[in-house]
Amino acid sequence: MHTIVTHPGGAHKDDLLAACVLASLHNCPIVRRDPTPAELADPEVAIVDVGGSHDPARANFDHHHFPREHPPTCALSLVLDSLGLYQDALQFCDWLETAEWFDSRGPNKTAEWLGVPRRAVSQLNSPIDMTLLRRFGQAARLEPTEPLYVYMKMVGDDLLEYLRVARERLDFIAQRVQRWSIPAGPASADVIEALYLPRTDATAEEPSAMLGSYIRAQKLDRVIAATVYPDRRGEGFGIGRYEDHPQLDFSRVEKEPDVHFAHKSGFMCKTTASDPARLQQLITLAWKG
């Protein structure tokens, strides 16, 4: 790839981020103008968010010609899909689907889809967004040595690295995680569904967050009530309620001898216990059913 071409005029988050990813991969100039027919046919020129063509084999990444009923998408989605990263990005980047809606449906429809007032969309903007988009929109050509390009390349580097590491961590967890179905008590018909990540020689970084990603990937959001994961600061385990499950309150176990911390809001506790039977017992003691 020797050139990245995107549209002139006002810049948007999707064409900016798509250019960031391509800059990370190819480190070539970015020009902001309409592409020529020869460039649209040249696979060594990336055409982003302009040109009326989606043809990854020719590095054309425009979505504006898609029919009205096409699922929300954007230029960044097309670039990530060409790299085989789109599904991972949807899974690990909560902001991507919102960016697709905003770019293809506009702020009013996006706010309606999110279930928030229209003004909430603009309330989430920051000077970081405004400055980057304005400066990118003002540029006719960016060379790899220019400060804005260097920053854009860092954004692309970090996004691609985040997706790589997130996939590695999710695969790590998928190979080791255990699902527990715990009776809530002898007089209760309730069963508490929990995920348990045992301690291994290679403990995942941010295990609680990655368990959350695993739950969403497996579509267990409405099933799992608790997660149990190695405490990165000690030899025991952390136990947390998933998505603030209403029937778990870990402040109820704060006086247990092997619980050295229980958050006052009840969303998690930390224990020196490592025996699975004891960890399950602590979950049942926190159950309010």
C-alpha atoms as a PDB file:
ATOM      1  CA  MET A   1       0.000   0.000   0.000  1.00  0.00           C
ATOM      2  CA  HIS A   2       1.529   3.330  -1.027  1.00  0.00           C
ATOM      3  CA  THR A   3      -1.389   5.762  -0.508  1.00  0.00           C
ATOM      4  CA  ILE A   4      -4.549   6.063   1.610  1.00  0.00           C
ATOM      5  CA  VAL A   5      -7.296   8.211   0.064  1.00  0.00           C
ATOM      6  CA  THR A   6     -10.329   9.439   1.984  1.00  0.00           C
ATOM      7  CA  HIS A   7     -12.928  12.126   1.304  1.00  0.00           C
ATOM      8  CA  PRO A   8     -12.288  15.858   1.641  1.00  0.00           C
ATOM      9  CA  GLY A   9     -14.300  18.185   3.880  1.00  0.00           C
ATOM     10  CA  GLY A  10     -15.592  17.319   7.326  1.00  0.00           C
ATOM     11  CA  ALA A  11     -14.056  14.246   8.914  1.00  0.00           C
ATOM     12  CA  HIS A  12     -15.968  11.647  10.892  1.00  0.00           C
ATOM     13  CA  LYS A  13     -14.941   9.096  13.460  1.00  0.00           C
ATOM     14  CA  ASP A  14     -15.253   6.135  11.089  1.00  0.00           C
ATOM     15  CA  ASP A  15     -13.013   7.466   8.291  1.00  0.00           C
ATOM     16  CA  LEU A  16     -10.511   8.783  10.848  1.00  0.00           C
ATOM     17  CA  LEU A  17     -10.258   5.410  12.632  1.00  0.00           C
ATOM     18  CA  ALA A  18     -10.164   3.460   9.372  1.00  0.00           C
ATOM     19  CA  ALA A  19      -7.251   5.648   8.263  1.00  0.00           C
ATOM     20  CA  CYS A  20      -5.578   5.063  11.654  1.00  0.00           C
ATOM     21  CA  VAL A  21      -5.694   1.283  11.179  1.00  0.00           C
ATOM     22  CA  LEU A  22      -4.371   1.487   7.624  1.00  0.00           C
ATOM     23  CA  ALA A  23      -1.634   3.919   8.699  1.00  0.00           C
ATOM     24  CA  SER A  24      -0.586   1.451  11.377  1.00  0.00           C
ATOM     25  CA  LEU A  25      -0.296  -1.321   8.804  1.00  0.00           C
ATOM     26  CA  HIS A  26       1.220   0.539   5.857  1.00  0.00           C
ATOM     27  CA  ASN A  27       2.822   3.799   7.104  1.00  0.00           C
ATOM     28  CA  CYS A  28       2.024   5.558   3.834  1.00  0.00           C
ATOM     29  CA  PRO A  29       0.692   9.088   3.101  1.00  0.00           C
ATOM     30  CA  ILE A  30      -2.990   9.942   3.613  1.00  0.00           C
ATOM     31  CA  VAL A  31      -4.623  12.273   1.090  1.00  0.00           C
ATOM     32  CA  ARG A  32      -8.092  13.773   1.480  1.00  0.00           C
ATOM     33  CA  ARG A  33      -9.743  14.168  -1.917  1.00  0.00           C
ATOM     34  CA  ASP A  34     -11.945  12.214  -4.319  1.00  0.00           C
ATOM     35  CA  PRO A  35     -10.220   9.143  -5.804  1.00  0.00           C
ATOM     36  CA  THR A  36      -9.504   8.756  -9.500  1.00  0.00           C
ATOM     37  CA  PRO A  37     -10.791   5.751 -11.491  1.00  0.00           C
ATOM     38  CA  ALA A  38      -7.210   4.499 -11.713  1.00  0.00           C
ATOM     39  CA  GLU A  39      -6.869   4.627  -7.909  1.00  0.00           C
ATOM     40  CA  LEU A  40     -10.147   2.740  -7.431  1.00  0.00           C
ATOM     41  CA  ALA A  41      -8.719  -0.035  -9.611  1.00  0.00           C
ATOM     42  CA  ASP A  42      -5.317  -0.054  -7.906  1.00  0.00           C
ATOM     43  CA  PRO A  43      -5.096  -2.475  -4.924  1.00  0.00           C
ATOM     44  CA  GLU A  44      -2.059  -0.568  -3.654  1.00  0.00           C
ATOM     45  CA  VAL A  45      -4.204   2.523  -3.015  1.00  0.00           C
ATOM     46  CA  ALA A  46      -6.689   2.249  -0.122  1.00  0.00           C
ATOM     47  CA  ILE A  47      -9.922   4.161  -0.773  1.00  0.00           C
ATOM     48  CA  VAL A  48     -11.721   4.896   2.488  1.00  0.00           C
ATOM     49  CA  ASP A  49     -15.314   6.119   2.944  1.00  0.00           C
ATOM     50  CA  VAL A  50     -15.524   7.499  -0.588  1.00  0.00           C
ATOM     51  CA  GLY A  51     -15.645   6.205  -4.169  1.00  0.00           C
ATOM     52  CA  GLY A  52     -18.901   4.240  -4.136  1.00  0.00           C
ATOM     53  CA  SER A  53     -17.194   0.853  -4.066  1.00  0.00           C
ATOM     54  CA  HIS A  54     -16.713  -1.864  -1.484  1.00  0.00           C
ATOM     55  CA  ASP A  55     -14.118  -4.198  -2.938  1.00  0.00           C
ATOM     56  CA  PRO A  56     -11.539  -5.407  -0.375  1.00  0.00           C
ATOM     57  CA  ALA A  57      -9.474  -7.072  -3.117  1.00  0.00           C
ATOM     58  CA  ARG A  58      -8.881  -3.588  -4.524  1.00  0.00           C
ATOM     59  CA  ALA A  59      -8.687  -1.964  -1.070  1.00  0.00           C
ATOM     60  CA  ASN A  60     -11.933  -0.059  -1.625  1.00  0.00           C
ATOM     61  CA  PHE A  61     -13.823   0.540   1.631  1.00  0.00           C
ATOM     62  CA  ASP A  62     -16.928   2.644   1.019  1.00  0.00           C
ATOM     63  CA  HIS A  63     -20.411   1.910   2.396  1.00  0.00           C
ATOM     64  CA  HIS A  64     -22.423   4.883   1.177  1.00  0.00           C
ATOM     65  CA  HIS A  65     -23.881   2.988  -1.786  1.00  0.00           C
ATOM     66  CA  PHE A  66     -25.331   0.235   0.419  1.00  0.00           C
ATOM     67  CA  PRO A  67     -29.156   0.081   0.393  1.00  0.00           C
ATOM     68  CA  ARG A  68     -31.183   1.756   3.153  1.00  0.00           C
ATOM     69  CA  GLU A  69     -32.079  -1.600   4.751  1.00  0.00           C
ATOM     70  CA  HIS A  70     -28.435  -2.701   4.998  1.00  0.00           C
ATOM     71  CA  PRO A  71     -27.355  -3.289   8.612  1.00  0.00           C
ATOM     72  CA  PRO A  72     -25.558  -0.271  10.106  1.00  0.00           C
ATOM     73  CA  THR A  73     -21.933  -0.258   9.035  1.00  0.00           C
ATOM     74  CA  CYS A  74     -19.094   2.183   8.476  1.00  0.00           C
ATOM     75  CA  ALA A  75     -15.700   2.457   6.786  1.00  0.00           C
ATOM     76  CA  LEU A  76     -13.875   1.182   9.858  1.00  0.00           C
ATOM     77  CA  SER A  77     -16.095  -1.926   9.891  1.00  0.00           C
ATOM     78  CA  LEU A  78     -15.148  -2.683   6.292  1.00  0.00           C
ATOM     79  CA  VAL A  79     -11.427  -2.261   6.935  1.00  0.00           C
ATOM     80  CA  LEU A  80     -11.548  -4.473  10.040  1.00  0.00           C
ATOM     81  CA  ASP A  81     -13.580  -7.083   8.174  1.00  0.00           C
ATOM     82  CA  SER A  82     -10.968  -7.215   5.410  1.00  0.00           C
ATOM     83  CA  LEU A  83      -8.393  -8.008   8.115  1.00  0.00           C
ATOM     84  CA  GLY A  84     -10.548 -10.747   9.676  1.00  0.00           C
ATOM     85  CA  LEU A  85     -10.959  -8.647  12.833  1.00  0.00           C
ATOM     86  CA  TYR A  86     -14.517  -7.366  12.585  1.00  0.00           C
ATOM     87  CA  GLN A  87     -16.228  -9.995  14.755  1.00  0.00           C
ATOM     88  CA  ASP A  88     -13.577  -9.633  17.441  1.00  0.00           C
ATOM     89  CA  ALA A  89     -13.947  -5.846  17.321  1.00  0.00           C
ATOM     90  CA  LEU A  90     -17.726  -6.114  17.731  1.00  0.00           C
ATOM     91  CA  GLN A  91     -17.161  -8.373  20.710  1.00  0.00           C
ATOM     92  CA  PHE A  92     -14.389  -6.460  22.456  1.00  0.00           C
ATOM     93  CA  CYS A  93     -15.082  -2.823  21.453  1.00  0.00           C
ATOM     94  CA  ASP A  94     -18.442  -1.705  22.829  1.00  0.00           C
ATOM     95  CA  TRP A  95     -18.131   1.611  21.003  1.00  0.00           C
ATOM     96  CA  LEU A  96     -17.954   0.103  17.475  1.00  0.00           C
ATOM     97  CA  GLU A  97     -21.631  -0.683  16.989  1.00  0.00           C
ATOM     98  CA  THR A  98     -22.540   2.822  18.184  1.00  0.00           C
ATOM     99  CA  ALA A  99     -20.080   4.292  15.658  1.00  0.00           C
ATOM    100  CA  GLU A 100     -21.736   2.228  12.908  1.00  0.00           C
ATOM    101  CA  TRP A 101     -25.182   3.492  13.857  1.00  0.00           C
ATOM    102  CA  PHE A 102     -24.047   7.095  14.129  1.00  0.00           C
ATOM    103  CA  ASP A 103     -22.344   7.085  10.735  1.00  0.00           C
ATOM    104  CA  SER A 104     -25.060   5.240   8.818  1.00  0.00           C
ATOM    105  CA  ARG A 105     -28.245   6.327  10.653  1.00  0.00           C
ATOM    106  CA  GLY A 106     -27.351   9.706  12.180  1.00  0.00           C
ATOM    107  CA  PRO A 107     -27.534  11.015  15.766  1.00  0.00           C
ATOM    108  CA  ASN A 108     -31.327  10.907  16.196  1.00  0.00           C
ATOM    109  CA  LYS A 109     -31.720   7.254  15.201  1.00  0.00           C
ATOM    110  CA  THR A 110     -28.603   6.354  17.189  1.00  0.00           C
ATOM    111  CA  ALA A 111     -29.985   7.964  20.337  1.00  0.00           C
ATOM    112  CA  GLU A 112     -33.282   6.140  19.801  1.00  0.00           C
ATOM    113  CA  TRP A 113     -31.446   2.828  19.343  1.00  0.00           C
ATOM    114  CA  LEU A 114     -29.410   3.455  22.512  1.00  0.00           C
ATOM    115  CA  GLY A 115     -32.534   4.444  24.422  1.00  0.00           C
ATOM    116  CA  VAL A 116     -31.132   7.837  25.454  1.00  0.00           C
ATOM    117  CA  PRO A 117     -32.107  11.454  24.738  1.00  0.00           C
ATOM    118  CA  ARG A 118     -30.676  12.923  21.532  1.00  0.00           C
ATOM    119  CA  ARG A 119     -28.587  15.393  23.555  1.00  0.00           C
ATOM    120  CA  ALA A 120     -26.806  12.533  25.335  1.00  0.00           C
ATOM    121  CA  VAL A 121     -24.978  11.710  22.083  1.00  0.00           C
ATOM    122  CA  SER A 122     -23.279  15.108  21.975  1.00  0.00           C
ATOM    123  CA  GLN A 123     -22.750  15.118  25.747  1.00  0.00           C
ATOM    124  CA  LEU A 124     -20.346  12.200  25.281  1.00  0.00           C
ATOM    125  CA  ASN A 125     -18.081  14.195  22.955  1.00  0.00           C
ATOM    126  CA  SER A 126     -14.821  15.607  24.290  1.00  0.00           C
ATOM    127  CA  PRO A 127     -12.174  18.089  23.107  1.00  0.00           C
ATOM    128  CA  ILE A 128     -10.079  15.055  22.115  1.00  0.00           C
ATOM    129  CA  ASP A 129     -12.718  14.020  19.572  1.00  0.00           C
ATOM    130  CA  MET A 130     -13.302  17.571  18.365  1.00  0.00           C
ATOM    131  CA  THR A 131      -9.636  18.455  17.885  1.00  0.00           C
ATOM    132  CA  LEU A 132      -8.639  15.244  16.138  1.00  0.00           C
ATOM    133  CA  LEU A 133     -11.595  15.364  13.745  1.00  0.00           C
ATOM    134  CA  ARG A 134     -11.164  19.075  13.015  1.00  0.00           C
ATOM    135  CA  ARG A 135      -7.423  18.821  12.393  1.00  0.00           C
ATOM    136  CA  PHE A 136      -7.854  15.730  10.237  1.00  0.00           C
ATOM    137  CA  GLY A 137     -10.638  17.468   8.309  1.00  0.00           C
ATOM    138  CA  GLN A 138      -8.381  20.465   7.623  1.00  0.00           C
ATOM    139  CA  ALA A 139      -5.531  18.386   6.208  1.00  0.00           C
ATOM    140  CA  ALA A 140      -5.228  17.830   2.469  1.00  0.00           C
ATOM    141  CA  ARG A 141      -2.267  15.466   2.829  1.00  0.00           C
ATOM    142  CA  LEU A 142      -0.563  13.850   5.810  1.00  0.00           C
ATOM    143  CA  GLU A 143       2.919  12.390   5.676  1.00  0.00           C
ATOM    144  CA  PRO A 144       4.090   9.719   8.172  1.00  0.00           C
ATOM    145  CA  THR A 145       6.503  12.205   9.768  1.00  0.00           C
ATOM    146  CA  GLU A 146       3.814  14.763  10.706  1.00  0.00           C
ATOM    147  CA  PRO A 147       2.617  14.888  14.349  1.00  0.00           C
ATOM    148  CA  LEU A 148      -1.056  14.214  13.540  1.00  0.00           C
ATOM    149  CA  TYR A 149      -0.098  11.191  11.439  1.00  0.00           C
ATOM    150  CA  VAL A 150       2.163   9.878  14.210  1.00  0.00           C
ATOM    151  CA  TYR A 151      -0.721  10.134  16.669  1.00  0.00           C
ATOM    152  CA  MET A 152      -3.140   8.458  14.247  1.00  0.00           C
ATOM    153  CA  LYS A 153      -0.679   5.642  13.740  1.00  0.00           C
ATOM    154  CA  MET A 154      -0.465   5.167  17.515  1.00  0.00           C
ATOM    155  CA  VAL A 155      -4.278   4.920  17.659  1.00  0.00           C
ATOM    156  CA  GLY A 156      -4.202   2.253  14.942  1.00  0.00           C
ATOM    157  CA  ASP A 157      -1.319   0.425  16.631  1.00  0.00           C
ATOM    158  CA  ASP A 158      -3.155   0.346  19.960  1.00  0.00           C
ATOM    159  CA  LEU A 159      -6.457  -0.808  18.463  1.00  0.00           C
ATOM    160  CA  LEU A 160      -4.846  -3.680  16.558  1.00  0.00           C
ATOM    161  CA  GLU A 161      -2.751  -4.667  19.583  1.00  0.00           C
ATOM    162  CA  TYR A 162      -5.818  -4.538  21.842  1.00  0.00           C
ATOM    163  CA  LEU A 163      -7.742  -6.866  19.518  1.00  0.00           C
ATOM    164  CA  ARG A 164      -4.799  -9.276  19.294  1.00  0.00           C
ATOM    165  CA  VAL A 165      -4.342  -9.451  23.060  1.00  0.00           C
ATOM    166  CA  ALA A 166      -8.083  -9.652  23.751  1.00  0.00           C
ATOM    167  CA  ARG A 167      -8.413 -12.637  21.407  1.00  0.00           C
ATOM    168  CA  GLU A 168      -5.440 -14.372  23.032  1.00  0.00           C
ATOM    169  CA  ARG A 169      -6.906 -13.820  26.497  1.00  0.00           C
ATOM    170  CA  LEU A 170     -10.349 -15.033  25.478  1.00  0.00           C
ATOM    171  CA  ASP A 171      -8.869 -18.196  23.951  1.00  0.00           C
ATOM    172  CA  PHE A 172      -6.849 -18.674  27.150  1.00  0.00           C
ATOM    173  CA  ILE A 173     -10.000 -18.471  29.262  1.00  0.00           C
ATOM    174  CA  ALA A 174     -12.080 -20.654  26.930  1.00  0.00           C
ATOM    175  CA  GLN A 175      -9.557 -23.483  27.355  1.00  0.00           C
ATOM    176  CA  ARG A 176      -9.682 -23.332  31.177  1.00  0.00           C
ATOM    177  CA  VAL A 177     -13.018 -21.969  32.401  1.00  0.00           C
ATOM    178  CA  GLN A 178     -15.448 -24.187  34.317  1.00  0.00           C
ATOM    179  CA  ARG A 179     -19.162 -23.639  34.701  1.00  0.00           C
ATOM    180  CA  TRP A 180     -20.693 -24.282  38.104  1.00  0.00           C
ATOM    181  CA  SER A 181     -24.385 -24.871  38.822  1.00  0.00           C
ATOM    182  CA  ILE A 182     -24.604 -24.334  42.588  1.00  0.00           C
ATOM    183  CA  PRO A 183     -27.705 -25.209  44.646  1.00  0.00           C
ATOM    184  CA  ALA A 184     -28.682 -22.069  46.516  1.00  0.00           C
ATOM    185  CA  GLY A 185     -29.507 -24.052  49.631  1.00  0.00           C
ATOM    186  CA  PRO A 186     -31.209 -27.202  50.899  1.00  0.00           C
ATOM    187  CA  ALA A 187     -34.583 -25.464  51.157  1.00  0.00           C
ATOM    188  CA  SER A 188     -34.264 -23.523  47.919  1.00  0.00           C
ATOM    189  CA  ALA A 189     -35.075 -24.531  44.369  1.00  0.00           C
ATOM    190  CA  ASP A 190     -32.735 -21.851  43.021  1.00  0.00           C
ATOM    191  CA  VAL A 191     -29.553 -22.778  41.177  1.00  0.00           C
ATOM    192  CA  ILE A 192     -26.760 -20.220  41.001  1.00  0.00           C
ATOM    193  CA  GLU A 193     -24.868 -20.312  37.706  1.00  0.00           C
ATOM    194  CA  ALA A 194     -21.234 -19.246  38.021  1.00  0.00           C
ATOM    195  CA  LEU A 195     -18.044 -19.329  35.967  1.00  0.00           C
ATOM    196  CA  TYR A 196     -14.800 -20.383  37.644  1.00  0.00           C
ATOM    197  CA  LEU A 197     -11.339 -19.671  36.259  1.00  0.00           C
ATOM    198  CA  PRO A 198      -8.761 -21.815  38.096  1.00  0.00           C
ATOM    199  CA  ARG A 199      -5.338 -20.500  38.923  1.00  0.00           C
ATOM    200  CA  THR A 200      -2.638 -21.671  36.508  1.00  0.00           C
ATOM    201  CA  ASP A 201       1.041 -20.932  36.005  1.00  0.00           C
ATOM    202  CA  ALA A 202       0.047 -18.384  33.365  1.00  0.00           C
ATOM    203  CA  THR A 203      -2.744 -16.312  34.899  1.00  0.00           C
ATOM    204  CA  ALA A 204      -4.679 -14.087  32.512  1.00  0.00           C
ATOM    205  CA  GLU A 205      -4.319 -10.343  32.928  1.00  0.00           C
ATOM    206  CA  GLU A 206      -7.565  -8.698  34.036  1.00  0.00           C
ATOM    207  CA  PRO A 207      -9.263 -12.092  34.490  1.00  0.00           C
ATOM    208  CA  SER A 208     -12.558 -10.641  35.744  1.00  0.00           C
ATOM    209  CA  ALA A 209     -12.939  -8.414  32.666  1.00  0.00           C
ATOM    210  CA  MET A 210     -12.049 -11.242  30.302  1.00  0.00           C
ATOM    211  CA  LEU A 211     -14.581 -13.528  31.975  1.00  0.00           C
ATOM    212  CA  GLY A 212     -17.130 -10.852  31.166  1.00  0.00           C
ATOM    213  CA  SER A 213     -16.038 -10.910  27.525  1.00  0.00           C
ATOM    214  CA  TYR A 214     -16.310 -14.696  27.518  1.00  0.00           C
ATOM    215  CA  ILE A 215     -19.844 -14.532  28.944  1.00  0.00           C
ATOM    216  CA  ARG A 216     -20.937 -12.107  26.219  1.00  0.00           C
ATOM    217  CA  ALA A 217     -19.240 -14.173  23.519  1.00  0.00           C
ATOM    218  CA  GLN A 218     -21.058 -17.311  24.655  1.00  0.00           C
ATOM    219  CA  LYS A 219     -24.356 -15.392  25.014  1.00  0.00           C
ATOM    220  CA  LEU A 220     -24.621 -16.303  28.693  1.00  0.00           C
ATOM    221  CA  ASP A 221     -25.497 -12.756  29.799  1.00  0.00           C
ATOM    222  CA  ARG A 222     -28.866 -13.726  31.251  1.00  0.00           C
ATOM    223  CA  VAL A 223     -27.624 -17.001  32.738  1.00  0.00           C
ATOM    224  CA  ILE A 224     -24.448 -16.352  34.723  1.00  0.00           C
ATOM    225  CA  ALA A 225     -24.859 -14.751  38.148  1.00  0.00           C
ATOM    226  CA  ALA A 226     -21.277 -14.886  39.502  1.00  0.00           C
ATOM    227  CA  THR A 227     -17.677 -15.120  38.390  1.00  0.00           C
ATOM    228  CA  VAL A 228     -14.762 -16.584  40.347  1.00  0.00           C
ATOM    229  CA  TYR A 229     -11.248 -15.687  39.257  1.00  0.00           C
ATOM    230  CA  PRO A 230      -7.654 -15.665  40.575  1.00  0.00           C
ATOM    231  CA  ASP A 231      -6.818 -12.609  42.650  1.00  0.00           C
ATOM    232  CA  ARG A 232      -3.905 -10.916  40.872  1.00  0.00           C
ATOM    233  CA  ARG A 233      -2.785  -9.328  44.166  1.00  0.00           C
ATOM    234  CA  GLY A 234      -2.779 -12.459  46.280  1.00  0.00           C
ATOM    235  CA  GLU A 235      -3.001 -16.218  46.312  1.00  0.00           C
ATOM    236  CA  GLY A 236      -6.759 -16.428  46.766  1.00  0.00           C
ATOM    237  CA  PHE A 237      -9.697 -15.605  44.532  1.00  0.00           C
ATOM    238  CA  GLY A 238     -12.020 -12.764  43.732  1.00  0.00           C
ATOM    239  CA  ILE A 239     -15.741 -13.460  43.526  1.00  0.00           C
ATOM    240  CA  GLY A 240     -18.032 -11.003  41.787  1.00  0.00           C
ATOM    241  CA  ARG A 241     -21.636 -10.728  40.762  1.00  0.00           C
ATOM    242  CA  TYR A 242     -22.026 -10.494  37.009  1.00  0.00           C
ATOM    243  CA  GLU A 243     -23.777  -7.356  35.765  1.00  0.00           C
ATOM    244  CA  ASP A 244     -24.898  -6.518  39.307  1.00  0.00           C
ATOM    245  CA  HIS A 245     -27.028  -9.623  39.650  1.00  0.00           C
ATOM    246  CA  PRO A 246     -29.772  -8.548  42.092  1.00  0.00           C
ATOM    247  CA  GLN A 247     -29.701 -11.701  44.225  1.00  0.00           C
ATOM    248  CA  LEU A 248     -26.026 -11.590  45.154  1.00  0.00           C
ATOM    249  CA  ASP A 249     -24.636  -9.352  47.881  1.00  0.00           C
ATOM    250  CA  PHE A 250     -21.063 -10.136  48.875  1.00  0.00           C
ATOM    251  CA  SER A 251     -21.155  -7.720  51.794  1.00  0.00           C
ATOM    252  CA  ARG A 252     -23.033 -10.576  53.497  1.00  0.00           C
ATOM    253  CA  VAL A 253     -19.786 -12.584  53.720  1.00  0.00           C
ATOM    254  CA  GLU A 254     -17.508  -9.815  55.025  1.00  0.00           C
ATOM    255  CA  LYS A 255     -17.260 -11.453  58.468  1.00  0.00           C
ATOM    256  CA  GLU A 256     -16.241 -14.853  57.114  1.00  0.00           C
ATOM    257  CA  PRO A 257     -12.733 -15.679  58.417  1.00  0.00           C
ATOM    258  CA  ASP A 258     -11.239 -16.280  54.966  1.00  0.00           C
ATOM    259  CA  VAL A 259     -12.756 -13.151  53.368  1.00  0.00           C
ATOM    260  CA  HIS A 260     -10.255 -10.318  53.682  1.00  0.00           C
ATOM    261  CA  PHE A 261     -12.232  -7.769  51.658  1.00  0.00           C
ATOM    262  CA  ALA A 262     -15.885  -7.367  50.774  1.00  0.00           C
ATOM    263  CA  HIS A 263     -17.028  -4.245  48.970  1.00  0.00           C
ATOM    264  CA  LYS A 264     -19.673  -2.354  50.945  1.00  0.00           C
ATOM    265  CA  SER A 265     -21.885  -2.158  47.842  1.00  0.00           C
ATOM    266  CA  GLY A 266     -21.794  -5.960  47.679  1.00  0.00           C
ATOM    267  CA  PHE A 267     -20.626  -6.396  44.108  1.00  0.00           C
ATOM    268  CA  MET A 268     -17.503  -8.424  44.961  1.00  0.00           C
ATOM    269  CA  CYS A 269     -15.290  -9.910  47.644  1.00  0.00           C
ATOM    270  CA  LYS A 270     -11.778 -11.327  47.925  1.00  0.00           C
ATOM    271  CA  THR A 271     -10.933 -14.476  49.792  1.00  0.00           C
ATOM    272  CA  THR A 272      -7.853 -16.460  50.732  1.00  0.00           C
ATOM    273  CA  ALA A 273      -9.844 -19.622  50.031  1.00  0.00           C
ATOM    274  CA  SER A 274      -8.883 -21.702  47.014  1.00  0.00           C
ATOM    275  CA  ASP A 275     -10.923 -24.884  47.522  1.00  0.00           C
ATOM    276  CA  PRO A 276     -13.777 -24.905  44.954  1.00  0.00           C
ATOM    277  CA  ALA A 277     -16.236 -26.234  47.547  1.00  0.00           C
ATOM    278  CA  ARG A 278     -15.503 -23.293  49.851  1.00  0.00           C
ATOM    279  CA  LEU A 279     -15.716 -20.788  46.987  1.00  0.00           C
ATOM    280  CA  GLN A 280     -19.125 -22.181  46.087  1.00  0.00           C
ATOM    281  CA  GLN A 281     -20.202 -21.963  49.716  1.00  0.00           C
ATOM    282  CA  LEU A 282     -19.300 -18.265  49.832  1.00  0.00           C
ATOM    283  CA  ILE A 283     -21.480 -17.700  46.776  1.00  0.00           C
ATOM    284  CA  THR A 284     -24.440 -19.391  48.457  1.00  0.00           C
ATOM    285  CA  LEU A 285     -23.884 -17.314  51.613  1.00  0.00           C
ATOM    286  CA  ALA A 286     -24.070 -14.162  49.453  1.00  0.00           C
ATOM    287  CA  TRP A 287     -27.300 -15.313  47.775  1.00  0.00           C
ATOM    288  CA  LYS A 288     -30.389 -13.332  48.788  1.00  0.00           C
ATOM    289  CA  GLY A 289     -32.914 -15.553  47.043  1.00  0.00           C
END
